[in-house]
Amino acid sequence: MKKFIQRPLAALLPLSLCVLAIPAQAGRPLAVDDANVNEKGAGHVEVWVARDSDKVDTWTVAPAFAPIEGVEIGVSYAKARKNGNAEQAIQAKWRITPSQENGCNVASTLGTVHEKSVGSSPFLVGILTCNSALGAVHVNLTRHNPKDEKSYNSWGVAFEREMGGVTPHIEVFGDEGGKPTVQFGAKTEIAKGLQLDGTVGRDRQNSANVFSLGFKYSF
């Protein structure tokens, strides 16, 4: 669920993910989200497979579109191969301040994740992005309100820098009071509007390796 929240769909954390189980995530392949949105009338579709600490592979499809300036609507559908559990999410992301090439801007995401056996679980994300000549830093803080469970917070910090045709990143994210996941990844454009990306990481809470592989199509 957390991956889309951070990234996502798709994504204050993602992270969904990646997996913070689903995640609104600076877009693939980061689990930590950035404070930017698509331009008005533009959108993208992200598709990825991720293996979690229980060695369960989950496929996710997450389209997003900006109907008006500064606002992006995203949805996602994720299904685990082993147990067949499926989750759907919907979120609205608002870029509160303009993006800056040298400086910081903020955004917020409000959404909900639904699982048939659990119900709907709303979340609220606060996002800060700071850009400089050295690269971009993204900070997330998320408030989760799962159905019939105690509310909790999660967090995430990521750094990415473009290096020629490849943009690598490092990120750390986790739940309040728990051990974080450390994740490395990279993305590259293999054709106009088509991005290939991947991550590898270590879930320190469960002492297990995690990874993801995906692509993003922008239109």
N, C-alpha and C. Protein backbone atom coordinates (compact mmCIF):
# COMPACT_ATOMS: atom_id res chain seq x y z
N MET A 1 0.83 -1.20 0.00
CA MET A 1 0.00 0.00 0.00
C MET A 1 0.86 1.23 0.00
N LYS A 2 2.01 1.24 0.69
CA LYS A 2 2.74 2.47 0.85
C LYS A 2 3.46 2.91 -0.42
N LYS A 3 3.75 2.03 -1.33
CA LYS A 3 4.51 2.45 -2.51
C LYS A 3 3.74 3.49 -3.31
N PHE A 4 2.53 3.27 -3.57
CA PHE A 4 1.78 4.23 -4.35
C PHE A 4 1.64 5.53 -3.57
N ILE A 5 1.47 5.42 -2.28
CA ILE A 5 1.33 6.60 -1.46
C ILE A 5 2.55 7.49 -1.61
N GLN A 6 3.72 6.91 -1.65
CA GLN A 6 4.90 7.74 -1.76
C GLN A 6 5.10 8.20 -3.16
N ARG A 7 5.00 7.44 -4.05
CA ARG A 7 5.25 7.82 -5.39
C ARG A 7 4.27 8.41 -6.12
N PRO A 8 2.84 6.54 -7.54
CA PRO A 8 2.17 6.46 -7.65
C PRO A 8 2.25 6.67 -7.67
N LEU A 9 0.81 6.54 -7.17
CA LEU A 9 -0.30 6.35 -7.17
C LEU A 9 0.13 6.15 -6.60
N ALA A 10 2.53 6.35 -6.86
CA ALA A 10 2.39 5.88 -7.38
C ALA A 10 2.80 5.75 -7.47
N ALA A 11 2.37 6.72 -4.70
CA ALA A 11 3.91 6.61 -5.56
C ALA A 11 3.61 8.60 -2.96
N LEU A 12 4.37 13.11 2.28
CA LEU A 12 4.92 13.06 3.42
C LEU A 12 5.59 11.72 3.48
N LEU A 13 5.32 10.55 2.79
CA LEU A 13 6.11 9.51 2.10
C LEU A 13 5.60 9.36 0.77
N PRO A 14 5.24 6.30 -1.31
CA PRO A 14 5.60 5.82 -1.36
C PRO A 14 6.14 5.11 -0.66
N LEU A 15 6.26 5.28 -2.37
CA LEU A 15 6.70 4.63 -2.15
C LEU A 15 7.04 3.88 -2.11
N SER A 16 4.83 3.77 -2.65
CA SER A 16 4.39 3.47 -2.49
C SER A 16 5.59 2.17 -1.52
N LEU A 17 7.37 3.29 -1.95
CA LEU A 17 7.43 2.40 -2.30
C LEU A 17 8.12 2.16 -3.04
N CYS A 18 8.68 1.08 -1.99
CA CYS A 18 8.51 0.34 -3.11
C CYS A 18 8.45 -0.75 -2.80
N VAL A 19 9.19 -1.34 -1.16
CA VAL A 19 7.90 -0.92 -1.55
C VAL A 19 7.25 -0.54 -0.26
N LEU A 20 6.94 0.57 0.03
CA LEU A 20 6.30 0.76 1.32
C LEU A 20 4.89 0.27 1.13
N ALA A 21 4.41 -0.44 0.65
CA ALA A 21 3.67 -1.47 0.01
C ALA A 21 2.92 -1.06 -1.21
N ILE A 22 2.16 0.15 -1.30
CA ILE A 22 2.04 0.64 -2.68
C ILE A 22 2.58 2.04 -2.70
N PRO A 23 2.91 3.91 -2.87
CA PRO A 23 3.46 4.37 -2.88
C PRO A 23 3.15 5.28 -3.89
N ALA A 24 3.25 6.71 -3.63
CA ALA A 24 3.11 7.81 -4.55
C ALA A 24 4.47 8.34 -4.73
N GLN A 25 5.31 7.96 -5.01
CA GLN A 25 6.49 8.03 -5.32
C GLN A 25 7.02 8.97 -6.29
N ALA A 26 8.85 10.94 -6.59
CA ALA A 26 9.42 11.53 -7.78
C ALA A 26 9.18 10.63 -8.97
N GLY A 27 8.14 9.86 -8.91
CA GLY A 27 7.85 8.96 -10.01
C GLY A 27 8.82 7.80 -10.03
N ARG A 28 8.51 6.81 -10.84
CA ARG A 28 9.40 5.67 -10.96
C ARG A 28 10.81 6.15 -11.24
N PRO A 29 11.81 5.52 -10.60
CA PRO A 29 11.66 4.36 -9.73
C PRO A 29 11.69 4.70 -8.24
N LEU A 30 11.59 5.99 -7.89
CA LEU A 30 11.65 6.34 -6.47
C LEU A 30 10.39 5.92 -5.72
N ALA A 31 10.57 5.52 -4.47
CA ALA A 31 9.45 5.31 -3.57
C ALA A 31 9.04 6.63 -2.92
N VAL A 32 10.02 7.53 -2.74
CA VAL A 32 9.77 8.86 -2.20
C VAL A 32 9.29 9.77 -3.33
N ASP A 33 8.23 10.54 -3.09
CA ASP A 33 7.65 11.38 -4.13
C ASP A 33 8.34 12.74 -4.19
N ASP A 34 8.17 13.43 -5.33
CA ASP A 34 8.68 14.80 -5.44
C ASP A 34 7.52 15.78 -5.47
N ALA A 35 7.85 17.07 -5.34
CA ALA A 35 6.82 18.11 -5.24
C ALA A 35 6.47 18.70 -6.60
N ASN A 36 6.46 17.87 -7.64
CA ASN A 36 6.12 18.33 -8.97
C ASN A 36 4.94 17.54 -9.53
N VAL A 37 4.28 18.08 -10.53
CA VAL A 37 3.18 17.39 -11.20
C VAL A 37 3.35 17.55 -12.71
N ASN A 38 2.59 16.78 -13.47
CA ASN A 38 2.60 16.94 -14.92
C ASN A 38 2.09 18.33 -15.31
N GLU A 39 2.50 18.79 -16.49
CA GLU A 39 1.93 20.02 -17.03
C GLU A 39 0.45 19.80 -17.37
N LYS A 40 -0.33 20.88 -17.39
CA LYS A 40 -1.74 20.79 -17.72
C LYS A 40 -1.94 20.07 -19.05
N GLY A 41 -2.81 19.06 -19.06
CA GLY A 41 -3.09 18.31 -20.27
C GLY A 41 -2.13 17.16 -20.54
N ALA A 42 -1.13 16.98 -19.69
CA ALA A 42 -0.14 15.91 -19.88
C ALA A 42 -0.34 14.82 -18.83
N GLY A 43 0.15 13.63 -19.13
CA GLY A 43 0.02 12.53 -18.20
C GLY A 43 1.11 11.50 -18.40
N HIS A 44 1.02 10.41 -17.65
CA HIS A 44 1.97 9.31 -17.78
C HIS A 44 1.33 8.03 -17.25
N VAL A 45 1.92 6.91 -17.64
CA VAL A 45 1.52 5.61 -17.13
C VAL A 45 2.78 4.89 -16.66
N GLU A 46 2.76 4.43 -15.43
CA GLU A 46 3.87 3.67 -14.87
C GLU A 46 3.44 2.22 -14.66
N VAL A 47 4.32 1.29 -15.01
CA VAL A 47 4.08 -0.13 -14.81
C VAL A 47 5.34 -0.73 -14.21
N TRP A 48 5.19 -1.49 -13.12
CA TRP A 48 6.38 -2.09 -12.52
C TRP A 48 6.03 -3.36 -11.75
N VAL A 49 7.04 -4.19 -11.56
CA VAL A 49 6.93 -5.36 -10.70
C VAL A 49 7.93 -5.18 -9.57
N ALA A 50 7.52 -5.49 -8.34
CA ALA A 50 8.38 -5.31 -7.17
C ALA A 50 8.34 -6.56 -6.31
N ARG A 51 9.48 -6.95 -5.79
CA ARG A 51 9.55 -8.07 -4.84
C ARG A 51 9.77 -7.51 -3.46
N ASP A 52 8.88 -7.87 -2.51
CA ASP A 52 8.98 -7.34 -1.16
C ASP A 52 9.81 -8.26 -0.26
N SER A 53 9.86 -7.93 1.03
CA SER A 53 10.70 -8.67 1.97
C SER A 53 10.21 -10.09 2.20
N ASP A 54 8.95 -10.38 1.86
CA ASP A 54 8.41 -11.74 1.97
C ASP A 54 8.58 -12.53 0.68
N LYS A 55 9.35 -11.98 -0.27
CA LYS A 55 9.60 -12.60 -1.57
C LYS A 55 8.33 -12.78 -2.39
N VAL A 56 7.40 -11.83 -2.21
CA VAL A 56 6.15 -11.80 -2.97
C VAL A 56 6.30 -10.78 -4.10
N ASP A 57 6.03 -11.19 -5.33
CA ASP A 57 6.09 -10.28 -6.48
C ASP A 57 4.73 -9.62 -6.69
N THR A 58 4.73 -8.30 -6.79
CA THR A 58 3.50 -7.54 -6.99
C THR A 58 3.61 -6.69 -8.25
N TRP A 59 2.63 -6.82 -9.14
CA TRP A 59 2.54 -6.00 -10.35
C TRP A 59 1.67 -4.79 -10.10
N THR A 60 2.11 -3.63 -10.55
CA THR A 60 1.34 -2.40 -10.36
C THR A 60 1.25 -1.63 -11.67
N VAL A 61 0.06 -1.10 -11.95
CA VAL A 61 -0.18 -0.19 -13.07
C VAL A 61 -0.71 1.11 -12.49
N ALA A 62 -0.08 2.24 -12.84
CA ALA A 62 -0.44 3.51 -12.20
C ALA A 62 -0.43 4.66 -13.21
N PRO A 63 -1.58 4.99 -13.80
CA PRO A 63 -1.66 6.17 -14.68
C PRO A 63 -1.95 7.44 -13.87
N ALA A 64 -1.54 8.59 -14.42
CA ALA A 64 -1.80 9.89 -13.79
C ALA A 64 -1.98 10.93 -14.89
N PHE A 65 -2.78 11.96 -14.59
CA PHE A 65 -3.07 13.00 -15.57
C PHE A 65 -3.33 14.32 -14.86
N ALA A 66 -2.90 15.42 -15.47
CA ALA A 66 -3.10 16.75 -14.90
C ALA A 66 -4.20 17.48 -15.67
N PRO A 67 -5.43 17.51 -15.14
CA PRO A 67 -6.52 18.17 -15.86
C PRO A 67 -6.45 19.69 -15.81
N ILE A 68 -5.83 20.23 -14.76
CA ILE A 68 -5.66 21.67 -14.63
C ILE A 68 -4.25 21.95 -14.14
N GLU A 69 -3.82 23.18 -14.27
CA GLU A 69 -2.46 23.56 -13.87
C GLU A 69 -2.25 23.32 -12.38
N GLY A 70 -1.18 22.59 -12.03
CA GLY A 70 -0.82 22.40 -10.63
C GLY A 70 -1.50 21.26 -9.92
N VAL A 71 -2.40 20.55 -10.60
CA VAL A 71 -3.12 19.44 -9.96
C VAL A 71 -3.01 18.20 -10.83
N GLU A 72 -2.66 17.07 -10.20
CA GLU A 72 -2.51 15.80 -10.90
C GLU A 72 -3.36 14.74 -10.21
N ILE A 73 -4.15 14.02 -10.99
CA ILE A 73 -4.99 12.93 -10.47
C ILE A 73 -4.36 11.61 -10.88
N GLY A 74 -4.20 10.70 -9.92
CA GLY A 74 -3.59 9.41 -10.20
C GLY A 74 -4.40 8.27 -9.64
N VAL A 75 -4.33 7.13 -10.29
CA VAL A 75 -4.96 5.91 -9.79
C VAL A 75 -3.93 4.78 -9.94
N SER A 76 -4.16 3.68 -9.22
CA SER A 76 -3.27 2.53 -9.38
C SER A 76 -4.03 1.24 -9.07
N TYR A 77 -3.52 0.17 -9.69
CA TYR A 77 -4.04 -1.17 -9.41
C TYR A 77 -2.83 -2.08 -9.20
N ALA A 78 -2.79 -2.75 -8.06
CA ALA A 78 -1.67 -3.62 -7.74
C ALA A 78 -2.17 -4.99 -7.34
N LYS A 79 -1.50 -6.05 -7.83
CA LYS A 79 -1.91 -7.41 -7.50
C LYS A 79 -0.69 -8.27 -7.26
N ALA A 80 -0.71 -8.98 -6.13
CA ALA A 80 0.38 -9.88 -5.78
C ALA A 80 0.19 -11.22 -6.48
N ARG A 81 1.28 -11.77 -7.02
CA ARG A 81 1.19 -13.03 -7.77
C ARG A 81 0.93 -14.22 -6.85
N LYS A 82 1.54 -14.24 -5.66
CA LYS A 82 1.46 -15.43 -4.80
C LYS A 82 0.09 -15.61 -4.17
N ASN A 83 -0.45 -14.56 -3.55
CA ASN A 83 -1.72 -14.70 -2.82
C ASN A 83 -2.90 -14.09 -3.57
N GLY A 84 -2.65 -13.40 -4.67
CA GLY A 84 -3.73 -12.85 -5.47
C GLY A 84 -4.40 -11.63 -4.88
N ASN A 85 -3.90 -11.09 -3.75
CA ASN A 85 -4.49 -9.89 -3.17
C ASN A 85 -4.35 -8.70 -4.11
N ALA A 86 -5.41 -7.91 -4.22
CA ALA A 86 -5.39 -6.74 -5.11
C ALA A 86 -5.72 -5.49 -4.31
N GLU A 87 -5.06 -4.38 -4.68
CA GLU A 87 -5.33 -3.10 -4.06
C GLU A 87 -5.53 -2.06 -5.14
N GLN A 88 -6.48 -1.15 -4.91
CA GLN A 88 -6.70 -0.03 -5.80
C GLN A 88 -6.50 1.25 -5.01
N ALA A 89 -5.98 2.26 -5.67
CA ALA A 89 -5.75 3.54 -5.00
C ALA A 89 -6.12 4.68 -5.92
N ILE A 90 -6.53 5.79 -5.32
CA ILE A 90 -6.79 7.02 -6.07
C ILE A 90 -6.25 8.17 -5.24
N GLN A 91 -5.65 9.15 -5.91
CA GLN A 91 -5.09 10.27 -5.18
C GLN A 91 -5.12 11.54 -6.03
N ALA A 92 -5.10 12.67 -5.34
CA ALA A 92 -4.99 13.98 -5.98
C ALA A 92 -3.77 14.67 -5.39
N LYS A 93 -2.90 15.16 -6.28
CA LYS A 93 -1.66 15.81 -5.85
C LYS A 93 -1.70 17.28 -6.27
N TRP A 94 -1.42 18.14 -5.32
CA TRP A 94 -1.49 19.58 -5.54
C TRP A 94 -0.10 20.19 -5.35
N ARG A 95 0.44 20.81 -6.41
CA ARG A 95 1.70 21.54 -6.29
C ARG A 95 1.39 22.91 -5.72
N ILE A 96 1.73 23.12 -4.46
CA ILE A 96 1.33 24.33 -3.74
C ILE A 96 2.14 25.54 -4.17
N THR A 97 3.44 25.36 -4.39
CA THR A 97 4.30 26.46 -4.82
C THR A 97 4.99 26.07 -6.13
N PRO A 98 5.38 27.04 -6.95
CA PRO A 98 6.00 26.74 -8.25
C PRO A 98 7.32 25.98 -8.09
N SER A 99 7.61 25.11 -9.05
CA SER A 99 8.90 24.41 -9.07
C SER A 99 10.01 25.40 -9.39
N GLN A 100 11.20 25.17 -8.81
CA GLN A 100 12.33 26.06 -9.02
C GLN A 100 13.57 25.25 -9.39
N GLU A 101 14.33 25.72 -10.36
CA GLU A 101 15.57 25.05 -10.73
C GLU A 101 16.60 25.15 -9.63
N ASN A 102 16.61 26.27 -8.92
CA ASN A 102 17.49 26.46 -7.78
C ASN A 102 16.66 26.99 -6.62
N GLY A 103 16.23 26.08 -5.76
CA GLY A 103 15.37 26.45 -4.66
C GLY A 103 14.43 25.32 -4.31
N CYS A 104 13.49 25.61 -3.44
CA CYS A 104 12.58 24.57 -2.91
C CYS A 104 11.13 24.88 -3.24
N ASN A 105 10.34 23.83 -3.36
CA ASN A 105 8.89 23.99 -3.50
C ASN A 105 8.19 22.85 -2.77
N VAL A 106 6.90 23.05 -2.50
CA VAL A 106 6.15 22.08 -1.70
C VAL A 106 4.89 21.63 -2.44
N ALA A 107 4.42 20.44 -2.07
CA ALA A 107 3.20 19.87 -2.63
C ALA A 107 2.53 19.01 -1.56
N SER A 108 1.31 18.61 -1.84
CA SER A 108 0.58 17.73 -0.91
C SER A 108 -0.27 16.76 -1.72
N THR A 109 -0.39 15.54 -1.20
CA THR A 109 -1.19 14.51 -1.85
C THR A 109 -2.22 13.96 -0.87
N LEU A 110 -3.45 13.86 -1.32
CA LEU A 110 -4.53 13.26 -0.53
C LEU A 110 -5.10 12.10 -1.32
N GLY A 111 -5.21 10.95 -0.69
CA GLY A 111 -5.71 9.80 -1.41
C GLY A 111 -6.23 8.71 -0.50
N THR A 112 -6.61 7.59 -1.10
CA THR A 112 -7.07 6.44 -0.33
C THR A 112 -6.70 5.16 -1.07
N VAL A 113 -6.39 4.13 -0.30
CA VAL A 113 -6.09 2.81 -0.83
C VAL A 113 -7.19 1.86 -0.39
N HIS A 114 -7.69 1.05 -1.32
CA HIS A 114 -8.78 0.13 -1.01
C HIS A 114 -8.37 -1.31 -1.27
N GLU A 115 -8.61 -2.16 -0.29
CA GLU A 115 -8.42 -3.60 -0.42
C GLU A 115 -9.72 -4.28 0.01
N LYS A 116 -10.20 -5.23 -0.77
CA LYS A 116 -11.51 -5.83 -0.55
C LYS A 116 -11.71 -6.34 0.86
N SER A 117 -10.73 -7.05 1.40
CA SER A 117 -10.87 -7.66 2.72
C SER A 117 -10.62 -6.68 3.86
N VAL A 118 -10.10 -5.49 3.53
CA VAL A 118 -9.74 -4.52 4.57
C VAL A 118 -10.61 -3.28 4.53
N GLY A 119 -10.96 -2.81 3.34
CA GLY A 119 -11.70 -1.57 3.19
C GLY A 119 -10.79 -0.46 2.72
N SER A 120 -11.23 0.78 2.88
CA SER A 120 -10.47 1.94 2.40
C SER A 120 -9.63 2.55 3.50
N SER A 121 -8.41 2.96 3.14
CA SER A 121 -7.48 3.55 4.10
C SER A 121 -6.95 4.87 3.53
N PRO A 122 -7.46 6.01 4.02
CA PRO A 122 -7.00 7.30 3.50
C PRO A 122 -5.60 7.67 3.99
N PHE A 123 -4.95 8.54 3.24
CA PHE A 123 -3.62 9.02 3.62
C PHE A 123 -3.44 10.46 3.16
N LEU A 124 -2.54 11.18 3.83
CA LEU A 124 -2.22 12.56 3.49
C LEU A 124 -0.70 12.69 3.49
N VAL A 125 -0.16 13.23 2.40
CA VAL A 125 1.29 13.33 2.23
C VAL A 125 1.71 14.80 2.10
N GLY A 126 2.74 15.18 2.81
CA GLY A 126 3.38 16.48 2.65
C GLY A 126 4.71 16.27 1.95
N ILE A 127 5.03 17.06 0.92
CA ILE A 127 6.20 16.81 0.09
C ILE A 127 7.02 18.10 -0.07
N LEU A 128 8.33 17.98 0.10
CA LEU A 128 9.26 19.09 -0.10
C LEU A 128 10.33 18.64 -1.10
N THR A 129 10.57 19.45 -2.13
CA THR A 129 11.64 19.19 -3.09
C THR A 129 12.55 20.41 -3.16
N CYS A 130 13.88 20.18 -3.08
CA CYS A 130 14.86 21.25 -3.20
C CYS A 130 15.83 20.90 -4.32
N ASN A 131 15.94 21.78 -5.32
CA ASN A 131 16.82 21.57 -6.48
C ASN A 131 18.04 22.49 -6.40
N SER A 132 19.18 21.95 -6.85
CA SER A 132 20.40 22.75 -6.94
C SER A 132 21.29 22.15 -8.02
N ALA A 133 22.46 22.73 -8.22
CA ALA A 133 23.39 22.21 -9.21
C ALA A 133 23.90 20.82 -8.84
N LEU A 134 23.79 20.47 -7.58
CA LEU A 134 24.26 19.16 -7.11
C LEU A 134 23.24 18.05 -7.35
N GLY A 135 21.97 18.42 -7.52
CA GLY A 135 20.92 17.43 -7.70
C GLY A 135 19.65 17.85 -6.98
N ALA A 136 18.76 16.89 -6.76
CA ALA A 136 17.47 17.18 -6.13
C ALA A 136 17.29 16.34 -4.87
N VAL A 137 16.77 16.97 -3.83
CA VAL A 137 16.45 16.28 -2.57
C VAL A 137 14.94 16.33 -2.38
N HIS A 138 14.36 15.18 -2.04
CA HIS A 138 12.92 15.08 -1.80
C HIS A 138 12.68 14.56 -0.39
N VAL A 139 11.75 15.21 0.32
CA VAL A 139 11.42 14.81 1.69
C VAL A 139 9.90 14.60 1.77
N ASN A 140 9.49 13.45 2.31
CA ASN A 140 8.07 13.12 2.47
C ASN A 140 7.73 12.85 3.93
N LEU A 141 6.54 13.24 4.34
CA LEU A 141 5.97 12.86 5.63
C LEU A 141 4.51 12.51 5.39
N THR A 142 4.12 11.28 5.78
CA THR A 142 2.78 10.79 5.48
C THR A 142 2.02 10.41 6.74
N ARG A 143 0.74 10.75 6.75
CA ARG A 143 -0.16 10.33 7.82
C ARG A 143 -1.12 9.29 7.25
N HIS A 144 -1.07 8.07 7.79
CA HIS A 144 -1.93 6.98 7.34
C HIS A 144 -3.07 6.78 8.34
N ASN A 145 -4.26 6.51 7.83
CA ASN A 145 -5.41 6.26 8.69
C ASN A 145 -6.10 4.97 8.24
N PRO A 146 -5.47 3.81 8.49
CA PRO A 146 -6.04 2.54 8.03
C PRO A 146 -7.36 2.22 8.73
N LYS A 147 -8.24 1.56 8.00
CA LYS A 147 -9.56 1.23 8.52
C LYS A 147 -9.43 0.27 9.71
N ASP A 148 -10.10 0.61 10.81
CA ASP A 148 -10.15 -0.22 12.02
C ASP A 148 -8.78 -0.45 12.64
N GLU A 149 -7.82 0.41 12.35
CA GLU A 149 -6.50 0.31 12.95
C GLU A 149 -6.04 1.68 13.42
N LYS A 150 -5.01 1.68 14.25
CA LYS A 150 -4.47 2.93 14.77
C LYS A 150 -3.74 3.70 13.67
N SER A 151 -3.94 5.01 13.60
CA SER A 151 -3.25 5.84 12.63
C SER A 151 -1.75 5.88 12.94
N TYR A 152 -0.94 6.09 11.91
CA TYR A 152 0.51 6.14 12.10
C TYR A 152 1.14 7.03 11.04
N ASN A 153 2.39 7.39 11.26
CA ASN A 153 3.14 8.23 10.34
C ASN A 153 4.24 7.43 9.65
N SER A 154 4.61 7.84 8.44
CA SER A 154 5.78 7.30 7.76
C SER A 154 6.54 8.46 7.13
N TRP A 155 7.77 8.21 6.72
CA TRP A 155 8.65 9.28 6.25
C TRP A 155 9.54 8.76 5.13
N GLY A 156 10.16 9.66 4.40
CA GLY A 156 11.09 9.27 3.35
C GLY A 156 11.95 10.43 2.92
N VAL A 157 13.21 10.15 2.58
CA VAL A 157 14.15 11.15 2.07
C VAL A 157 14.88 10.54 0.88
N ALA A 158 15.00 11.29 -0.22
CA ALA A 158 15.66 10.78 -1.42
C ALA A 158 16.56 11.86 -2.03
N PHE A 159 17.62 11.39 -2.69
CA PHE A 159 18.50 12.29 -3.44
C PHE A 159 18.71 11.69 -4.82
N GLU A 160 18.56 12.51 -5.87
CA GLU A 160 18.79 12.04 -7.24
C GLU A 160 19.57 13.10 -8.01
N ARG A 161 20.36 12.62 -8.99
CA ARG A 161 21.14 13.56 -9.79
C ARG A 161 21.30 13.00 -11.20
N GLU A 162 21.00 13.83 -12.19
CA GLU A 162 21.16 13.41 -13.58
C GLU A 162 22.64 13.36 -13.94
N MET A 163 23.05 12.24 -14.55
CA MET A 163 24.44 12.05 -14.95
C MET A 163 24.44 11.54 -16.39
N GLY A 164 24.49 12.48 -17.34
CA GLY A 164 24.37 12.10 -18.74
C GLY A 164 22.98 11.61 -19.04
N GLY A 165 22.89 10.40 -19.62
CA GLY A 165 21.58 9.85 -19.95
C GLY A 165 20.96 9.02 -18.86
N VAL A 166 21.62 8.96 -17.69
CA VAL A 166 21.12 8.15 -16.57
C VAL A 166 20.95 9.03 -15.34
N THR A 167 19.86 8.80 -14.59
CA THR A 167 19.65 9.52 -13.34
C THR A 167 19.60 8.51 -12.19
N PRO A 168 20.67 8.38 -11.42
CA PRO A 168 20.66 7.48 -10.26
C PRO A 168 20.08 8.17 -9.03
N HIS A 169 19.70 7.37 -8.04
CA HIS A 169 19.18 7.95 -6.80
C HIS A 169 19.49 7.02 -5.63
N ILE A 170 19.41 7.60 -4.44
CA ILE A 170 19.46 6.86 -3.19
C ILE A 170 18.34 7.39 -2.32
N GLU A 171 17.67 6.50 -1.58
CA GLU A 171 16.57 6.95 -0.73
C GLU A 171 16.48 6.08 0.53
N VAL A 172 15.92 6.66 1.56
CA VAL A 172 15.69 5.98 2.83
C VAL A 172 14.26 6.29 3.24
N PHE A 173 13.49 5.26 3.63
CA PHE A 173 12.11 5.51 4.03
C PHE A 173 11.64 4.43 5.01
N GLY A 174 10.62 4.76 5.80
CA GLY A 174 10.14 3.79 6.77
C GLY A 174 8.96 4.31 7.55
N ASP A 175 8.45 3.46 8.43
CA ASP A 175 7.35 3.82 9.32
C ASP A 175 7.90 4.36 10.63
N GLU A 176 7.13 5.21 11.28
CA GLU A 176 7.52 5.78 12.56
C GLU A 176 7.81 4.67 13.57
N GLY A 177 9.00 4.73 14.18
CA GLY A 177 9.36 3.75 15.19
C GLY A 177 9.96 2.47 14.65
N GLY A 178 10.01 2.30 13.32
CA GLY A 178 10.55 1.08 12.73
C GLY A 178 11.88 1.33 12.05
N LYS A 179 12.56 0.25 11.67
CA LYS A 179 13.81 0.36 10.94
C LYS A 179 13.51 0.68 9.49
N PRO A 180 14.29 1.56 8.87
CA PRO A 180 13.99 2.00 7.50
C PRO A 180 14.47 1.04 6.42
N THR A 181 13.97 1.25 5.22
CA THR A 181 14.46 0.60 4.02
C THR A 181 15.43 1.55 3.32
N VAL A 182 16.57 1.04 2.88
CA VAL A 182 17.54 1.81 2.11
C VAL A 182 17.51 1.29 0.68
N GLN A 183 17.38 2.17 -0.29
CA GLN A 183 17.17 1.74 -1.66
C GLN A 183 17.98 2.58 -2.65
N PHE A 184 18.55 1.90 -3.65
CA PHE A 184 19.28 2.55 -4.73
C PHE A 184 18.57 2.24 -6.04
N GLY A 185 18.65 3.17 -6.99
CA GLY A 185 18.01 2.91 -8.27
C GLY A 185 18.50 3.87 -9.33
N ALA A 186 17.99 3.67 -10.55
CA ALA A 186 18.37 4.54 -11.67
C ALA A 186 17.28 4.47 -12.73
N LYS A 187 17.22 5.53 -13.56
CA LYS A 187 16.28 5.57 -14.67
C LYS A 187 16.98 6.13 -15.89
N THR A 188 16.50 5.74 -17.08
CA THR A 188 17.04 6.24 -18.33
C THR A 188 15.96 6.22 -19.39
N GLU A 189 16.01 7.15 -20.33
CA GLU A 189 15.04 7.20 -21.42
C GLU A 189 15.56 6.35 -22.58
N ILE A 190 14.78 5.31 -22.94
CA ILE A 190 15.20 4.41 -24.01
C ILE A 190 14.56 4.76 -25.34
N ALA A 191 13.54 5.61 -25.32
CA ALA A 191 12.89 6.14 -26.53
C ALA A 191 12.14 7.39 -26.10
N LYS A 192 11.71 8.18 -27.06
CA LYS A 192 11.00 9.42 -26.72
C LYS A 192 9.77 9.12 -25.88
N GLY A 193 9.74 9.65 -24.66
CA GLY A 193 8.61 9.47 -23.77
C GLY A 193 8.58 8.14 -23.04
N LEU A 194 9.59 7.27 -23.26
CA LEU A 194 9.59 5.94 -22.64
C LEU A 194 10.82 5.78 -21.75
N GLN A 195 10.58 5.53 -20.48
CA GLN A 195 11.64 5.42 -19.47
C GLN A 195 11.73 3.99 -18.95
N LEU A 196 12.95 3.51 -18.79
CA LEU A 196 13.22 2.22 -18.16
C LEU A 196 13.89 2.49 -16.82
N ASP A 197 13.49 1.75 -15.76
CA ASP A 197 14.04 2.04 -14.44
C ASP A 197 14.07 0.79 -13.56
N GLY A 198 14.80 0.88 -12.47
CA GLY A 198 14.88 -0.23 -11.53
C GLY A 198 15.45 0.21 -10.20
N THR A 199 15.25 -0.62 -9.17
CA THR A 199 15.78 -0.35 -7.83
C THR A 199 16.24 -1.66 -7.18
N VAL A 200 17.17 -1.54 -6.26
CA VAL A 200 17.54 -2.62 -5.36
C VAL A 200 17.68 -2.00 -3.98
N GLY A 201 17.33 -2.75 -2.94
CA GLY A 201 17.39 -2.18 -1.61
C GLY A 201 17.39 -3.22 -0.52
N ARG A 202 17.45 -2.74 0.70
CA ARG A 202 17.46 -3.60 1.88
C ARG A 202 16.41 -3.12 2.86
N ASP A 203 15.44 -4.00 3.15
CA ASP A 203 14.42 -3.75 4.16
C ASP A 203 15.01 -4.14 5.51
N ARG A 204 15.46 -3.16 6.28
CA ARG A 204 16.13 -3.44 7.55
C ARG A 204 15.15 -3.89 8.63
N GLN A 205 13.88 -3.54 8.48
CA GLN A 205 12.88 -3.97 9.46
C GLN A 205 12.72 -5.49 9.43
N ASN A 206 12.76 -6.06 8.22
CA ASN A 206 12.58 -7.50 8.07
C ASN A 206 13.85 -8.23 7.63
N SER A 207 14.97 -7.49 7.57
CA SER A 207 16.27 -8.06 7.20
C SER A 207 16.18 -8.85 5.90
N ALA A 208 15.69 -8.18 4.86
CA ALA A 208 15.51 -8.84 3.57
C ALA A 208 15.79 -7.86 2.43
N ASN A 209 16.20 -8.40 1.29
CA ASN A 209 16.43 -7.59 0.11
C ASN A 209 15.13 -7.36 -0.65
N VAL A 210 15.01 -6.21 -1.32
CA VAL A 210 13.84 -5.88 -2.14
C VAL A 210 14.34 -5.32 -3.46
N PHE A 211 13.52 -5.44 -4.49
CA PHE A 211 13.90 -4.85 -5.78
C PHE A 211 12.66 -4.55 -6.60
N SER A 212 12.83 -3.74 -7.64
CA SER A 212 11.73 -3.47 -8.57
C SER A 212 12.30 -3.20 -9.96
N LEU A 213 11.47 -3.43 -10.97
CA LEU A 213 11.82 -3.16 -12.36
C LEU A 213 10.58 -2.64 -13.05
N GLY A 214 10.70 -1.55 -13.80
CA GLY A 214 9.51 -0.99 -14.42
C GLY A 214 9.82 -0.03 -15.56
N PHE A 215 8.76 0.56 -16.08
CA PHE A 215 8.92 1.58 -17.09
C PHE A 215 7.82 2.63 -16.94
N LYS A 216 8.04 3.77 -17.58
CA LYS A 216 7.11 4.89 -17.52
C LYS A 216 6.95 5.46 -18.91
N TYR A 217 5.69 5.64 -19.33
CA TYR A 217 5.40 6.24 -20.62
C TYR A 217 4.71 7.57 -20.39
N SER A 218 5.28 8.64 -20.91
CA SER A 218 4.73 9.99 -20.75
C SER A 218 4.04 10.43 -22.03
N PHE A 219 2.91 11.13 -21.89
CA PHE A 219 2.17 11.59 -23.06
C PHE A 219 1.60 12.98 -22.82
